[in-house]
Protein backbone atom coordinates (compact mmCIF):
# COMPACT_ATOMS: atom_id res chain seq x y z
CA MET A 1 -33.88 7.07 -20.36
CA GLY A 2 -34.21 4.58 -23.14
CA LYS A 3 -34.12 4.30 -26.87
CA TYR A 4 -37.89 4.72 -27.27
CA PHE A 5 -37.91 7.92 -25.22
CA ASN A 6 -34.99 9.26 -27.27
CA LEU A 7 -36.71 8.31 -30.52
CA ALA A 8 -39.94 9.98 -29.41
CA LEU A 9 -38.02 13.07 -28.28
CA THR A 10 -36.26 13.30 -31.65
CA TRP A 11 -39.59 13.03 -33.47
CA LEU A 12 -41.16 15.71 -31.26
CA MET A 13 -38.23 18.06 -31.81
CA THR A 14 -38.49 17.57 -35.57
CA LEU A 15 -42.21 18.34 -35.42
CA SER A 16 -41.47 21.62 -33.63
CA MET A 17 -39.62 22.88 -36.71
CA VAL A 18 -42.84 22.68 -38.73
CA THR A 19 -45.43 24.41 -36.53
CA ALA A 20 -45.76 27.06 -33.84
CA VAL A 21 -46.31 25.90 -30.26
CA ILE A 22 -47.08 22.19 -30.21
CA LYS A 23 -49.62 21.12 -27.61
CA VAL A 24 -48.92 17.86 -25.79
CA THR A 25 -51.65 16.44 -23.53
CA CYS A 26 -50.54 13.79 -21.02
CA ILE A 27 -53.35 11.53 -19.82
CA GLY A 28 -52.77 9.12 -16.96
CA ASP A 29 -52.87 8.04 -13.35
CA SER A 30 -50.57 9.04 -10.45
CA ILE A 31 -47.45 8.35 -12.52
CA THR A 32 -48.56 11.16 -14.82
CA GLU A 33 -50.04 13.41 -12.15
CA GLY A 34 -47.02 13.28 -9.85
CA GLY A 35 -47.44 14.44 -6.28
CA ALA A 36 -46.39 13.24 -2.85
CA CYS A 37 -44.42 10.20 -3.99
CA VAL A 38 -42.32 11.98 -6.64
CA PRO A 39 -40.87 15.50 -6.66
CA GLU A 40 -41.55 15.97 -10.38
CA SER A 41 -43.90 14.18 -12.72
CA TYR A 42 -42.64 12.92 -16.05
CA THR A 43 -44.66 15.72 -17.65
CA ASP A 44 -42.47 18.30 -15.88
CA LEU A 45 -39.37 16.56 -17.22
CA LEU A 46 -40.94 16.32 -20.67
CA GLN A 47 -41.67 20.06 -20.70
CA ASP A 48 -38.08 20.80 -19.67
CA GLN A 49 -36.69 18.53 -22.40
CA LEU A 50 -38.96 19.83 -25.16
CA GLY A 51 -38.56 23.52 -24.40
CA GLU A 52 -40.65 26.56 -25.22
CA GLU A 53 -41.83 25.27 -28.59
CA TYR A 54 -44.09 22.87 -26.70
CA SER A 55 -46.86 23.26 -24.18
CA VAL A 56 -47.26 20.15 -22.01
CA LEU A 57 -50.60 19.74 -20.23
CA ASN A 58 -50.72 17.30 -17.31
CA VAL A 59 -54.20 15.81 -16.88
CA GLY A 60 -53.20 12.89 -14.68
CA ALA A 61 -55.60 11.66 -11.98
CA SER A 62 -54.13 9.61 -9.16
CA GLY A 63 -55.47 6.12 -8.57
CA ARG A 64 -57.74 6.07 -11.61
CA THR A 65 -58.29 3.12 -13.89
CA MET A 66 -58.61 3.10 -17.65
CA LEU A 67 -61.65 0.82 -17.43
CA LYS A 68 -64.93 2.64 -18.06
CA GLN A 69 -66.63 0.50 -15.42
CA GLY A 70 -63.63 0.58 -13.06
CA LEU A 71 -64.41 0.41 -9.36
CA LEU A 72 -62.40 1.14 -6.22
CA ASP A 73 -62.79 -1.64 -3.65
CA GLY A 74 -65.42 -3.19 -5.93
CA THR A 75 -67.99 -0.50 -5.13
CA GLN A 76 -66.88 3.08 -5.77
CA PRO A 77 -66.58 4.30 -9.40
CA TYR A 78 -62.94 5.14 -10.07
CA SER A 79 -62.65 5.38 -13.83
CA TYR A 80 -60.48 8.04 -15.49
CA TRP A 81 -63.39 8.52 -17.89
CA ASP A 82 -65.43 10.04 -15.03
CA THR A 83 -62.90 12.73 -14.08
CA ASP A 84 -62.81 16.44 -14.83
CA ASN A 85 -59.30 15.81 -16.18
CA TRP A 86 -60.77 13.63 -18.95
CA GLN A 87 -62.96 16.55 -19.97
CA LYS A 88 -59.92 18.87 -19.89
CA ALA A 89 -58.03 16.41 -22.09
CA LEU A 90 -60.88 16.29 -24.59
CA SER A 91 -61.08 20.07 -24.82
CA SER A 92 -57.31 20.66 -24.96
CA ASP A 93 -57.11 20.31 -28.75
CA PRO A 94 -53.68 18.63 -28.58
CA ASP A 95 -51.26 17.92 -31.39
CA ILE A 96 -49.82 14.99 -29.43
CA VAL A 97 -51.33 12.79 -26.70
CA THR A 98 -49.50 10.49 -24.30
CA ILE A 99 -51.46 7.90 -22.32
CA MET A 100 -50.05 6.32 -19.17
CA LEU A 101 -52.97 4.34 -17.74
CA GLY A 102 -53.27 0.75 -16.65
CA THR A 103 -51.01 0.69 -13.61
CA ASN A 104 -54.06 0.52 -11.31
CA ASP A 105 -55.79 -2.16 -13.39
CA ALA A 106 -53.82 -5.18 -12.24
């Protein structure tokens, strides 16, 4: 996958030796959420790679922007900050957070 993914994976595996189940919360847009365009999200692959010592929570929301005032078609609010998934992320009490937002901001 890449040297940064391998480095992050090594760090996460080392962390698992220190604590019980490590909670990873993955925040993001459709790339995180997965769905119709991909058979598995990267969070599914991450869970498989990390194993049982980790609990990976996918709180992706398709099409959302990271901008607090983000709009869809210039009119409809479409910010990740306004989703139920953001509230789930806040209450998940994670040890590690990944953020994959910005794809819809260009």
